[in-house]
Amino acid sequence: MTALRLSRPSPRLLTMGVAVVLALGLLGEGGATNATASAAPIATAPADAAPTAAQRGLRFAPAASTVEAYNYDGFVYFDSGVWMAAYGEGYEFWAKKAKPSARATLTKTVIRGDERTTTKAPAAIVDGLGGFKKGLTVQVTDSTGKVLIKKSRSLCLSGMERQRVEPTGNTEPIYPMFCGGDWFTKSSVSGIEQGWATKLDTYFELKTTRKNLRMTVTISDPVADFLGLPATGRSVSQRVKVIDECTVVDCGEVGDALLGAPAEGFSTLAEGDAASTHADQVRAMASGAHGTHGAGDGAGSSHRANLFTLQGGSQEHGGDHPALGQPGSKPSNKAPAEDTLPDLQSLPAWQIGIERSSGADRLTFNANEWNAGPAPLVVEGYRKGAAEVMDAYQFFYRDGKEVGSTKTGKMKYHAAPEHDHWHFLDFASYELVKPDGTLVTTSGKQSWCLAPTNAVDLSVPGATWRPEATGLDSTCGDRSALWLREVLPVGWGDTYNQTQTQAFKLTGVKNGTYQIKITVNPNGSLHELTTDNNVSYRTVVLGGKPGKRTVTVPPYEGVDTEIVN
């Protein structure tokens, strides 16, 4: 896959069973590391024991003493419903990498009013950009105390599900809904705001017919020590009530109801025999793409979640939350101020492969162009009569207020399969060139529906931590659209997976060394801070013969981005 681990690895899914589970809001098993089963007792806090007002810090939030699990086709799908809450103070976690090959560092900042205390996490408990290594363990035992399953996974103290636990805390969450990143992520932030709780990732499955079960969720001692959890408050134990899914929903119909054609910019069930889940949506937010992530598997696009279509809070970190009801600006050719401009940059291609499509060999790849700020890229289209074309305008924001706009190009309706929406033209160009820069061929993809799929660097000034909550809508539109707005927030990029006719056609291209050249804003039609960082290159070596072409991709800055984890 293109991304490093996020809050947890990909779930093990059943074609029909998981569709039912999705309808119930549950997920399948995370592919977490199996720990050695042990029947040793685990000290646990009462499931319904809430910290007193005087107890500051991270604590398990009240949880039911009994939790429901759902049985389908011999598997039981679990979710503890356990929350981790920040009482009296907030917790902020920064994961950063100096370069792609560097080990990630992780810091914890405790926020108590205006006071901030930062501590660096020991390397042994850092799981790259994905949180705390093996920080969360889930164990299930039967009525005799026999351990049926014991699994450990990374602990991410951010999540899509947030709830408020204190009236004195933030009115809305401010941290992203995920942990993690991809090969080129420079920094990511996660955390729990004071007075809020995040639901822990305890979704998994177990093949069993037993009904009388007990589930225990534990934070590992090294991680608990770093987080400051008390020795008696590191585990929660619950009785499990197993319910037959098919008594709740119609197992014969729900699968068909959930399956649908993918639409670019919107979440969809994954292709093949694995259905999309809540965790896949989280993963899509941090490492998603317009298209599948496989290297040359010949599959069509499987488009990821458009963050601006998701329901969420109403607060974000950057300064681009628009004031509601403000008057629009009159388009002008006057040069916009620097503090209202984006800085568009291109990342090197990755997950590069060969596919055979429509009788031709093609070089497939992933590409990401991102915005380093200090202001968001906002492009709006206004339809010209009945024609399937729009005039595009770039809008400029300062402190959340629109301060100007200018005409910047065109948007056109793209009726190709799996598109059927509007594209902004000339956002980027993809070229296969020789080492001396001579053009060999271009990609068939030269227009885009912009959306934030990857957090690249959330530490840059003005970075948006929760783009789904900014109020700057991003949509690809349908055929009847009169207007649409596409946005690339500060700190975020838009990944496209170039396959089929969007990839490089290799007919007539000789074996040898080439470079994939990616250029953002190639025609200079968009206003931005600088164009010095708009171009990236990635070396590839082509071999083989027609019908069996091969590609070798040397590491980039010491990192093999072609490894599929």
Protein backbone atom coordinates (compact mmCIF):
# COMPACT_ATOMS: atom_id res chain seq x y z
CA MET A 1 0.00 0.00 0.00
CA THR A 2 1.15 3.57 -0.44
CA ALA A 3 0.92 4.61 3.17
CA LEU A 4 2.70 3.56 6.29
CA ARG A 5 0.58 2.20 9.11
CA LEU A 6 -2.05 4.52 10.50
CA SER A 7 -4.12 3.84 13.58
CA ARG A 8 -4.06 0.12 12.75
CA PRO A 9 -3.25 -2.20 9.83
CA SER A 10 -5.82 -3.31 7.28
CA PRO A 11 -8.69 -5.39 8.71
CA ARG A 12 -9.34 -9.01 7.87
CA LEU A 13 -12.74 -8.91 6.25
CA LEU A 14 -15.44 -11.34 5.23
CA THR A 15 -17.22 -10.53 1.99
CA MET A 16 -20.71 -10.73 3.44
CA GLY A 17 -20.08 -10.69 7.16
CA VAL A 18 -18.29 -7.36 7.15
CA ALA A 19 -21.01 -5.74 5.06
CA VAL A 20 -23.37 -6.64 7.87
CA VAL A 21 -20.88 -5.44 10.44
CA LEU A 22 -20.60 -2.14 8.61
CA ALA A 23 -24.34 -1.71 8.77
CA LEU A 24 -24.05 -2.10 12.53
CA GLY A 25 -21.13 0.31 12.78
CA LEU A 26 -18.57 -2.38 13.57
CA LEU A 27 -15.35 -3.48 11.88
CA GLY A 28 -13.39 -6.64 11.28
CA GLU A 29 -10.09 -7.69 12.78
CA GLY A 30 -7.10 -5.40 12.53
CA GLY A 31 -4.09 -7.28 11.27
CA ALA A 32 -2.36 -6.67 14.54
CA THR A 33 0.55 -8.61 15.95
CA ASN A 34 -0.39 -11.81 17.74
CA ALA A 35 0.85 -11.80 21.30
CA THR A 36 1.54 -14.99 23.20
CA ALA A 37 -1.70 -16.19 24.78
CA SER A 38 -1.61 -16.23 28.54
CA ALA A 39 -4.22 -17.00 31.16
CA ALA A 40 -2.45 -14.80 33.71
CA PRO A 41 -4.92 -12.43 35.41
CA ILE A 42 -4.86 -8.76 34.43
CA ALA A 43 -5.50 -6.04 37.00
CA THR A 44 -8.43 -3.97 35.76
CA ALA A 45 -10.34 -0.90 36.78
CA PRO A 46 -14.14 -1.15 37.06
CA ALA A 47 -15.65 -0.45 33.65
CA ASP A 48 -17.97 2.20 35.05
CA ALA A 49 -15.46 3.95 37.33
CA ALA A 50 -15.10 7.64 36.37
CA PRO A 51 -12.22 9.84 37.54
CA THR A 52 -13.10 12.52 40.05
CA ALA A 53 -12.88 16.17 39.10
CA ALA A 54 -9.60 16.47 40.99
CA GLN A 55 -7.90 13.77 38.95
CA ARG A 56 -6.12 15.49 36.08
CA GLY A 57 -4.63 13.56 33.19
CA LEU A 58 -5.42 10.84 30.72
CA ARG A 59 -7.81 8.24 32.06
CA PHE A 60 -10.17 5.58 30.79
CA ALA A 61 -13.56 7.22 30.47
CA PRO A 62 -16.64 5.49 31.88
CA ALA A 63 -17.48 2.41 29.86
CA ALA A 64 -20.32 -0.06 30.11
CA SER A 65 -19.66 -3.18 32.14
CA THR A 66 -21.24 -5.21 29.32
CA VAL A 67 -20.49 -4.77 25.61
CA GLU A 68 -22.31 -6.28 22.64
CA ALA A 69 -20.50 -8.27 19.95
CA TYR A 70 -21.99 -9.58 16.72
CA ASN A 71 -21.77 -13.11 15.38
CA TYR A 72 -21.85 -13.95 11.69
CA ASP A 73 -20.80 -17.13 9.90
CA GLY A 74 -18.79 -18.41 12.84
CA PHE A 75 -16.97 -15.14 13.53
CA VAL A 76 -17.63 -12.73 16.39
CA TYR A 77 -16.95 -9.03 15.74
CA PHE A 78 -15.89 -7.06 18.80
CA ASP A 79 -15.69 -3.42 19.81
CA SER A 80 -15.15 -2.57 23.47
CA GLY A 81 -16.59 0.94 23.25
CA VAL A 82 -13.81 2.05 25.60
CA TRP A 83 -12.77 5.71 25.57
CA MET A 84 -9.61 7.54 26.67
CA ALA A 85 -10.33 10.97 28.11
CA ALA A 86 -8.26 14.03 29.01
CA TYR A 87 -9.46 15.45 32.31
CA GLY A 88 -8.34 18.91 33.40
CA GLU A 89 -5.61 19.20 30.76
CA GLY A 90 -5.08 18.53 27.07
CA TYR A 91 -2.61 16.22 25.34
CA GLU A 92 -0.90 16.93 22.02
CA PHE A 93 1.37 14.48 20.19
CA TRP A 94 3.70 15.42 17.33
CA ALA A 95 5.31 12.80 15.09
CA LYS A 96 8.05 14.18 12.85
CA LYS A 97 10.61 12.91 10.34
CA ALA A 98 13.60 14.93 9.14
CA LYS A 99 13.66 12.99 5.86
CA PRO A 100 11.93 9.89 4.42
CA SER A 101 14.62 7.51 5.67
CA ALA A 102 14.81 9.00 9.17
CA ARG A 103 13.20 7.41 12.22
CA ALA A 104 10.19 9.31 13.41
CA THR A 105 10.34 11.12 16.74
CA LEU A 106 7.30 11.55 18.96
CA THR A 107 6.67 14.21 21.59
CA LYS A 108 3.93 14.66 24.17
CA THR A 109 2.80 18.13 25.20
CA VAL A 110 0.60 18.50 28.25
CA ILE A 111 -1.52 21.66 27.99
CA ARG A 112 -2.88 23.13 31.20
CA GLY A 113 -4.29 26.57 30.48
CA ASP A 114 -1.44 28.64 29.02
CA GLU A 115 1.20 26.25 30.36
CA ARG A 116 2.70 23.69 27.97
CA THR A 117 5.11 20.94 29.03
CA THR A 118 6.73 18.87 26.28
CA THR A 119 8.42 15.47 26.70
CA LYS A 120 10.09 13.29 24.06
CA ALA A 121 8.91 9.68 23.90
CA PRO A 122 11.47 6.86 24.19
CA ALA A 123 12.27 5.45 20.75
CA ALA A 124 11.23 1.96 21.87
CA ILE A 125 7.56 2.95 22.15
CA VAL A 126 7.34 4.97 18.91
CA ASP A 127 5.67 3.27 15.94
CA GLY A 128 6.84 5.61 13.21
CA LEU A 129 4.07 8.11 12.48
CA GLY A 130 1.42 5.67 13.66
CA GLY A 131 1.39 6.31 17.40
CA PHE A 132 2.67 4.18 20.28
CA LYS A 133 4.12 0.78 19.35
CA LYS A 134 2.07 -2.14 20.73
CA GLY A 135 0.51 0.32 23.14
CA LEU A 136 -2.96 -1.26 23.04
CA THR A 137 -3.78 -4.90 23.80
CA VAL A 138 -7.17 -6.59 23.54
CA GLN A 139 -7.74 -9.97 25.18
CA VAL A 140 -10.81 -12.22 25.11
CA THR A 141 -11.33 -15.10 27.52
CA ASP A 142 -14.09 -17.68 27.86
CA SER A 143 -16.07 -18.57 30.98
CA THR A 144 -13.20 -20.73 32.31
CA GLY A 145 -10.65 -17.93 31.94
CA LYS A 146 -8.98 -19.50 28.89
CA VAL A 147 -7.47 -16.90 26.60
CA LEU A 148 -9.07 -17.22 23.16
CA ILE A 149 -7.23 -14.31 21.58
CA LYS A 150 -4.74 -11.68 22.66
CA LYS A 151 -3.68 -9.02 20.18
CA SER A 152 -1.56 -5.91 20.41
CA ARG A 153 -1.58 -2.95 18.05
CA SER A 154 -0.42 0.63 17.93
CA LEU A 155 -2.18 3.10 20.18
CA CYS A 156 -3.45 6.22 18.41
CA LEU A 157 -4.85 8.90 20.69
CA SER A 158 -6.90 10.52 17.95
CA GLY A 159 -9.92 9.18 16.18
CA MET A 160 -13.07 9.86 14.21
CA GLU A 161 -15.25 9.28 17.23
CA ARG A 162 -14.94 12.03 19.86
CA GLN A 163 -17.15 12.89 22.82
CA ARG A 164 -17.05 15.66 25.39
CA VAL A 165 -16.57 14.70 29.06
CA GLU A 166 -16.17 18.08 30.82
CA PRO A 167 -18.09 21.34 30.32
CA THR A 168 -14.89 23.37 30.84
CA GLY A 169 -13.10 21.85 27.85
CA ASN A 170 -12.93 22.96 24.22
CA THR A 171 -16.31 23.45 22.58
CA GLU A 172 -15.13 21.43 19.56
CA PRO A 173 -12.22 19.04 18.89
CA ILE A 174 -9.19 20.54 17.14
CA TYR A 175 -6.95 17.54 16.39
CA PRO A 176 -7.05 15.35 13.25
CA MET A 177 -9.07 12.14 13.18
CA PHE A 178 -6.11 9.84 12.51
CA CYS A 179 -2.49 8.96 13.24
CA GLY A 180 0.06 8.17 10.57
CA GLY A 181 1.19 9.18 7.11
CA ASP A 182 2.91 7.94 3.98
CA TRP A 183 6.50 7.79 2.77
CA PHE A 184 6.79 11.57 2.37
CA THR A 185 4.86 12.81 5.40
CA LYS A 186 7.06 15.23 7.31
CA SER A 187 4.96 15.77 10.41
CA SER A 188 1.57 14.85 11.82
CA VAL A 189 -0.25 15.85 14.97
CA SER A 190 -2.75 13.99 17.10
CA GLY A 191 -4.18 14.45 20.53
CA ILE A 192 -7.07 14.70 22.94
CA GLU A 193 -8.37 18.12 23.86
CA GLN A 194 -8.98 18.94 27.52
CA GLY A 195 -12.47 17.78 28.38
CA TRP A 196 -12.76 15.37 25.44
CA ALA A 197 -12.44 11.63 24.94
CA THR A 198 -11.48 9.56 21.90
CA LYS A 199 -12.71 6.04 21.27
CA LEU A 200 -9.90 3.48 21.32
CA ASP A 201 -9.37 1.24 18.30
CA THR A 202 -10.50 -2.11 19.68
CA TYR A 203 -12.27 -3.42 16.57
CA PHE A 204 -11.36 -7.01 15.68
CA GLU A 205 -12.82 -10.42 14.95
CA LEU A 206 -12.52 -13.88 16.46
CA LYS A 207 -13.64 -17.22 15.07
CA THR A 208 -15.56 -18.86 17.91
CA THR A 209 -18.97 -20.27 18.78
CA ARG A 210 -18.64 -19.49 22.49
CA LYS A 211 -21.14 -17.05 23.96
CA ASN A 212 -19.98 -16.35 27.52
CA LEU A 213 -16.93 -14.16 26.97
CA ARG A 214 -14.95 -11.42 28.69
CA MET A 215 -12.98 -8.70 26.93
CA THR A 216 -10.07 -6.79 28.47
CA VAL A 217 -8.45 -3.67 26.99
CA THR A 218 -4.99 -2.78 28.30
CA ILE A 219 -2.49 0.03 27.76
CA SER A 220 1.05 -1.38 27.88
CA ASP A 221 3.14 -0.40 30.90
CA PRO A 222 5.88 1.45 28.94
CA VAL A 223 3.28 3.55 27.12
CA ALA A 224 1.14 4.00 30.24
CA ASP A 225 4.21 5.19 32.17
CA PHE A 226 4.93 7.80 29.49
CA LEU A 227 1.30 8.93 29.39
CA GLY A 228 1.06 9.10 33.18
CA LEU A 229 -1.72 6.54 33.63
CA PRO A 230 -2.02 5.29 37.23
CA ALA A 231 -0.98 1.69 37.88
CA THR A 232 -4.53 0.73 38.81
CA GLY A 233 -6.07 2.37 35.74
CA ARG A 234 -4.39 0.70 32.78
CA SER A 235 -7.01 -1.93 31.91
CA VAL A 236 -10.75 -2.15 31.48
CA SER A 237 -12.57 -5.49 31.61
CA GLN A 238 -16.08 -6.06 30.24
CA ARG A 239 -18.52 -8.91 29.86
CA VAL A 240 -19.35 -9.64 26.21
CA LYS A 241 -22.91 -10.28 25.05
CA VAL A 242 -22.84 -12.06 21.68
CA ILE A 243 -25.73 -11.27 19.30
CA ASP A 244 -26.52 -13.01 16.01
CA GLU A 245 -26.25 -10.31 13.32
CA CYS A 246 -28.93 -11.84 11.14
CA THR A 247 -31.53 -11.31 13.88
CA VAL A 248 -30.80 -7.58 13.67
CA VAL A 249 -30.43 -7.00 9.92
CA ASP A 250 -31.34 -8.89 6.77
CA CYS A 251 -28.08 -10.64 5.95
CA GLY A 252 -29.34 -11.48 2.47
CA GLU A 253 -29.81 -7.87 1.39
CA VAL A 254 -27.42 -5.62 3.28
CA GLY A 255 -24.36 -6.54 1.21
CA ASP A 256 -25.96 -5.48 -2.06
CA ALA A 257 -27.25 -2.32 -0.45
CA LEU A 258 -23.80 -1.26 0.69
CA LEU A 259 -21.97 -2.00 -2.54
CA GLY A 260 -21.98 0.81 -5.10
CA ALA A 261 -20.05 2.35 -7.94
CA PRO A 262 -17.03 4.35 -6.77
CA ALA A 263 -17.21 8.10 -7.26
CA GLU A 264 -14.08 10.20 -7.31
CA GLY A 265 -13.67 12.32 -4.22
CA PHE A 266 -16.12 10.24 -2.19
CA SER A 267 -15.73 7.19 0.01
CA THR A 268 -16.67 3.80 -1.41
CA LEU A 269 -16.31 0.15 -0.61
CA ALA A 270 -12.94 -1.15 -1.66
CA GLU A 271 -12.58 -3.31 -4.74
CA GLY A 272 -12.09 -7.04 -4.70
CA ASP A 273 -13.14 -9.18 -1.77
CA ALA A 274 -12.54 -6.62 0.97
CA ALA A 275 -15.11 -4.01 1.89
CA SER A 276 -14.28 -0.51 3.08
CA THR A 277 -14.54 0.15 6.80
CA HIS A 278 -14.52 3.00 9.26
CA ALA A 279 -10.77 2.49 9.67
CA ASP A 280 -10.33 2.60 5.88
CA GLN A 281 -11.99 6.02 5.90
CA VAL A 282 -9.55 7.16 8.55
CA ARG A 283 -6.69 5.75 6.51
CA ALA A 284 -8.05 7.49 3.42
CA MET A 285 -7.94 10.84 5.18
CA ALA A 286 -4.27 10.53 5.94
CA SER A 287 -3.03 8.53 3.03
CA GLY A 288 -5.89 8.29 0.59
CA ALA A 289 -5.73 8.82 -3.12
CA HIS A 290 -7.84 9.35 -6.17
CA GLY A 291 -7.36 5.78 -7.31
CA THR A 292 -6.13 2.42 -6.17
CA HIS A 293 -2.78 2.10 -4.43
CA GLY A 294 -1.53 -1.11 -5.97
CA ALA A 295 1.47 -1.06 -8.23
CA GLY A 296 0.36 -2.04 -11.69
CA ASP A 297 -2.42 -4.45 -10.82
CA GLY A 298 -4.59 -3.29 -13.70
CA ALA A 299 -7.51 -2.46 -11.44
CA GLY A 300 -9.66 0.59 -11.99
CA SER A 301 -9.79 3.58 -9.68
CA SER A 302 -11.09 3.13 -6.15
CA HIS A 303 -11.53 6.69 -5.00
CA ARG A 304 -11.04 7.69 -1.42
CA ALA A 305 -12.97 9.87 0.98
CA ASN A 306 -13.35 13.55 0.18
CA LEU A 307 -12.82 15.12 3.58
CA PHE A 308 -15.10 18.02 2.86
CA THR A 309 -18.10 15.73 2.43
CA LEU A 310 -17.70 14.09 5.83
CA GLN A 311 -19.61 15.15 8.90
CA GLY A 312 -17.43 16.52 11.66
CA GLY A 313 -16.80 19.36 14.06
CA SER A 314 -16.65 23.08 13.35
CA GLN A 315 -13.16 24.13 14.43
CA GLU A 316 -9.75 23.75 12.84
CA HIS A 317 -6.19 24.81 13.52
CA GLY A 318 -5.36 26.97 10.52
CA GLY A 319 -6.67 30.41 9.66
CA ASP A 320 -8.88 29.54 6.70
CA HIS A 321 -12.25 29.03 8.36
CA PRO A 322 -14.49 31.44 6.43
CA ALA A 323 -16.73 33.91 8.18
CA LEU A 324 -20.32 33.00 7.36
CA GLY A 325 -22.32 35.41 5.23
CA GLN A 326 -19.48 37.71 4.25
CA PRO A 327 -19.75 39.57 0.94
CA GLY A 328 -17.84 38.12 -2.01
CA SER A 329 -14.87 39.89 -3.56
CA LYS A 330 -14.76 41.46 -7.00
CA PRO A 331 -12.35 39.63 -9.33
CA SER A 332 -9.21 41.64 -9.99
CA ASN A 333 -5.94 41.31 -11.85
CA LYS A 334 -4.11 42.97 -8.97
CA ALA A 335 -1.32 40.82 -7.53
CA PRO A 336 -2.53 39.19 -4.28
CA ALA A 337 -0.62 39.68 -1.04
CA GLU A 338 1.92 36.97 -0.17
CA ASP A 339 0.16 36.00 3.07
CA THR A 340 -2.95 35.03 1.05
CA LEU A 341 -1.08 32.65 -1.27
CA PRO A 342 -0.52 28.89 -1.25
CA ASP A 343 2.88 27.32 -1.89
CA LEU A 344 2.31 24.39 -4.24
CA GLN A 345 4.92 21.63 -4.24
CA SER A 346 5.17 18.23 -5.92
CA LEU A 347 6.35 15.05 -4.22
CA PRO A 348 8.32 12.33 -6.07
CA ALA A 349 6.30 9.52 -7.66
CA TRP A 350 5.99 6.29 -5.69
CA GLN A 351 4.36 2.84 -5.82
CA ILE A 352 5.46 2.51 -9.45
CA GLY A 353 4.59 -0.55 -11.49
CA ILE A 354 3.78 -2.08 -14.88
CA GLU A 355 0.30 -3.03 -16.07
CA ARG A 356 -1.03 -4.45 -19.33
CA SER A 357 -4.09 -2.42 -20.33
CA SER A 358 -5.98 -2.22 -23.65
CA GLY A 359 -3.24 -4.20 -25.38
CA ALA A 360 -0.46 -1.87 -24.24
CA ASP A 361 2.15 -1.90 -21.48
CA ARG A 362 1.79 1.08 -19.16
CA LEU A 363 3.91 2.54 -16.37
CA THR A 364 1.69 3.24 -13.36
CA PHE A 365 2.54 5.49 -10.42
CA ASN A 366 1.21 7.56 -7.54
CA ALA A 367 1.63 11.33 -7.57
CA ASN A 368 0.95 13.95 -4.91
CA GLU A 369 0.95 17.71 -5.11
CA TRP A 370 0.58 19.57 -1.81
CA ASN A 371 0.18 23.03 -0.32
CA ALA A 372 2.85 24.30 2.11
CA GLY A 373 0.94 27.52 2.77
CA PRO A 374 0.60 29.99 4.31
CA ALA A 375 -2.90 30.18 2.76
CA PRO A 376 -5.27 27.60 1.28
CA LEU A 377 -5.65 27.01 -2.44
CA VAL A 378 -9.30 27.72 -3.20
CA VAL A 379 -10.58 27.41 -6.78
CA GLU A 380 -14.22 27.94 -7.72
CA GLY A 381 -15.96 27.26 -11.02
CA TYR A 382 -18.93 29.17 -12.46
CA ARG A 383 -20.81 27.60 -15.35
CA LYS A 384 -21.07 29.37 -18.71
CA GLY A 385 -24.62 28.74 -19.94
CA ALA A 386 -25.52 25.17 -20.89
CA ALA A 387 -22.02 24.24 -22.02
CA GLU A 388 -20.12 21.72 -19.90
CA VAL A 389 -17.42 24.25 -19.07
CA MET A 390 -16.91 26.66 -16.19
CA ASP A 391 -14.80 29.76 -15.71
CA ALA A 392 -12.41 29.07 -12.83
CA TYR A 393 -11.46 31.68 -10.24
CA GLN A 394 -8.82 31.51 -7.53
CA PHE A 395 -9.91 33.00 -4.20
CA PHE A 396 -7.59 34.43 -1.56
CA TYR A 397 -8.12 34.23 2.19
CA ARG A 398 -6.62 35.98 5.19
CA ASP A 399 -7.61 35.05 8.76
CA GLY A 400 -10.59 33.14 7.45
CA LYS A 401 -11.93 35.99 5.37
CA GLU A 402 -12.07 36.15 1.60
CA VAL A 403 -10.00 39.17 0.54
CA GLY A 404 -9.79 38.80 -3.23
CA SER A 405 -10.18 36.68 -6.33
CA THR A 406 -8.97 36.46 -9.90
CA LYS A 407 -9.85 34.45 -12.99
CA THR A 408 -7.45 31.55 -13.34
CA GLY A 409 -8.57 29.13 -16.07
CA LYS A 410 -11.26 26.58 -16.86
CA MET A 411 -13.11 23.64 -15.40
CA LYS A 412 -14.63 21.03 -17.71
CA TYR A 413 -17.02 18.18 -17.16
CA HIS A 414 -15.25 14.81 -17.43
CA ALA A 415 -17.66 12.07 -18.50
CA ALA A 416 -15.21 9.15 -18.47
CA PRO A 417 -16.08 6.03 -16.42
CA GLU A 418 -15.53 6.49 -12.68
CA HIS A 419 -15.32 10.25 -13.14
CA ASP A 420 -18.60 11.86 -14.27
CA HIS A 421 -17.69 15.12 -12.58
CA TRP A 422 -15.87 18.41 -13.11
CA HIS A 423 -12.10 18.80 -13.40
CA PHE A 424 -9.90 21.85 -12.99
CA LEU A 425 -7.51 22.01 -15.96
CA ASP A 426 -3.74 22.47 -15.85
CA PHE A 427 -3.17 21.81 -12.15
CA ALA A 428 -0.23 19.47 -12.81
CA SER A 429 1.61 17.66 -15.57
CA TYR A 430 3.11 14.17 -15.57
CA GLU A 431 5.95 13.44 -18.00
CA LEU A 432 8.33 10.56 -18.63
CA VAL A 433 11.68 12.07 -19.58
CA LYS A 434 15.20 10.91 -20.31
CA PRO A 435 17.97 11.73 -17.79
CA ASP A 436 18.90 14.77 -19.91
CA GLY A 437 15.31 16.07 -19.67
CA THR A 438 14.17 15.09 -23.16
CA LEU A 439 10.43 14.37 -23.22
CA VAL A 440 9.49 10.74 -23.99
CA THR A 441 5.74 10.65 -23.30
CA THR A 442 3.06 12.23 -21.12
CA SER A 443 0.35 10.83 -18.87
CA GLY A 444 -3.21 10.84 -20.09
CA LYS A 445 -4.24 12.58 -16.87
CA GLN A 446 -3.96 16.38 -17.13
CA SER A 447 -6.99 17.59 -15.15
CA TRP A 448 -8.11 17.16 -11.55
CA CYS A 449 -10.84 17.37 -8.97
CA LEU A 450 -8.85 18.76 -6.06
CA ALA A 451 -9.35 17.36 -2.56
CA PRO A 452 -7.13 16.84 0.51
CA THR A 453 -6.22 13.15 0.63
CA ASN A 454 -2.85 13.21 2.45
CA ALA A 455 -1.52 15.20 5.37
CA VAL A 456 2.06 16.01 4.32
CA ASP A 457 3.25 18.54 6.93
CA LEU A 458 0.88 19.77 9.62
CA SER A 459 3.60 21.84 11.29
CA VAL A 460 3.79 24.52 8.57
CA PRO A 461 2.28 27.92 9.48
CA GLY A 462 -1.46 28.00 8.90
CA ALA A 463 -1.78 24.22 8.58
CA THR A 464 -5.33 22.91 8.77
CA TRP A 465 -5.67 20.04 11.20
CA ARG A 466 -9.31 19.18 10.48
CA PRO A 467 -10.07 20.14 6.87
CA GLU A 468 -13.48 18.50 7.04
CA ALA A 469 -14.49 21.16 9.57
CA THR A 470 -13.25 24.33 7.88
CA GLY A 471 -16.45 25.16 6.06
CA LEU A 472 -14.58 25.46 2.75
CA ASP A 473 -16.53 22.90 0.77
CA SER A 474 -14.78 20.73 -1.80
CA THR A 475 -16.87 18.89 -4.37
CA CYS A 476 -16.42 17.43 -7.81
CA GLY A 477 -20.00 18.19 -8.84
CA ASP A 478 -22.39 16.35 -11.14
CA ARG A 479 -23.45 17.05 -14.70
CA SER A 480 -26.08 19.60 -13.66
CA ALA A 481 -23.74 21.65 -11.46
CA LEU A 482 -23.71 25.42 -11.88
CA TRP A 483 -20.91 26.06 -9.39
CA LEU A 484 -18.33 24.13 -7.43
CA ARG A 485 -15.45 24.79 -5.07
CA GLU A 486 -12.23 22.77 -4.88
CA VAL A 487 -9.81 23.28 -2.01
CA LEU A 488 -6.31 22.18 -1.04
CA PRO A 489 -5.79 23.23 2.61
CA VAL A 490 -2.41 24.18 4.04
CA GLY A 491 -0.35 21.11 4.97
CA TRP A 492 -2.33 18.74 2.75
CA GLY A 493 -1.80 17.13 -0.64
CA ASP A 494 -3.94 15.41 -3.25
CA THR A 495 -2.79 11.95 -4.37
CA TYR A 496 -3.81 10.47 -7.70
CA ASN A 497 -3.05 6.91 -8.70
CA GLN A 498 -2.18 6.94 -12.42
CA THR A 499 -3.40 3.69 -13.99
CA GLN A 500 -4.83 2.56 -17.31
CA THR A 501 -5.05 5.48 -19.78
CA GLN A 502 -3.83 7.84 -17.05
CA ALA A 503 -0.48 6.03 -16.90
CA PHE A 504 2.49 6.30 -19.30
CA LYS A 505 1.99 4.21 -22.45
CA LEU A 506 5.25 2.34 -23.09
CA THR A 507 4.68 1.38 -26.74
CA GLY A 508 7.86 2.37 -28.56
CA VAL A 509 9.68 3.31 -25.35
CA LYS A 510 13.03 1.49 -25.25
CA ASN A 511 14.49 -0.18 -22.20
CA GLY A 512 16.73 2.06 -20.12
CA THR A 513 16.80 4.69 -17.39
CA TYR A 514 14.15 7.41 -17.28
CA GLN A 515 12.64 9.87 -14.83
CA ILE A 516 9.04 10.55 -13.88
CA LYS A 517 8.74 14.32 -13.88
CA ILE A 518 5.86 15.82 -11.91
CA THR A 519 5.14 19.54 -12.21
CA VAL A 520 2.45 21.33 -10.23
CA ASN A 521 0.99 24.53 -11.70
CA PRO A 522 2.91 23.91 -14.96
CA ASN A 523 1.45 26.89 -16.82
CA GLY A 524 1.70 29.33 -13.93
CA SER A 525 -2.04 29.98 -14.05
CA LEU A 526 -2.37 29.74 -10.26
CA HIS A 527 -1.00 32.43 -7.96
CA GLU A 528 1.41 30.98 -5.41
CA LEU A 529 4.25 32.01 -3.13
CA THR A 530 7.06 30.53 -5.26
CA THR A 531 7.48 28.23 -8.23
CA ASP A 532 10.99 27.08 -7.23
CA ASN A 533 9.70 23.82 -5.71
CA ASN A 534 7.06 22.88 -8.29
CA VAL A 535 8.99 20.06 -9.99
CA SER A 536 10.02 16.63 -8.69
CA TYR A 537 11.81 13.69 -10.37
CA ARG A 538 11.85 9.94 -9.70
CA THR A 539 14.26 7.60 -11.48
CA VAL A 540 12.95 4.37 -13.01
CA VAL A 541 14.69 1.65 -15.05
CA LEU A 542 12.59 -0.08 -17.72
CA GLY A 543 13.31 -3.60 -18.95
CA GLY A 544 11.65 -6.70 -20.37
CA LYS A 545 9.86 -7.02 -23.69
CA PRO A 546 6.39 -6.07 -25.00
CA GLY A 547 3.74 -7.83 -22.98
CA LYS A 548 6.21 -8.47 -20.15
CA ARG A 549 7.81 -5.09 -19.45
CA THR A 550 9.51 -4.61 -16.09
CA VAL A 551 10.42 -1.62 -13.97
CA THR A 552 13.06 -1.21 -11.28
CA VAL A 553 12.76 1.75 -8.91
CA PRO A 554 15.90 2.79 -7.01
CA PRO A 555 15.33 3.96 -3.41
CA TYR A 556 14.58 7.63 -2.84
CA GLU A 557 16.78 9.26 -0.18
CA GLY A 558 17.49 5.81 1.24
CA VAL A 559 13.87 4.63 1.33
CA ASP A 560 12.36 1.88 -0.80
CA THR A 561 8.90 3.30 -1.45
CA GLU A 562 7.92 0.26 -3.51
CA ILE A 563 7.63 -2.06 -0.52
CA VAL A 564 4.02 -3.09 0.02
CA ASN A 565 3.40 -3.38 3.76
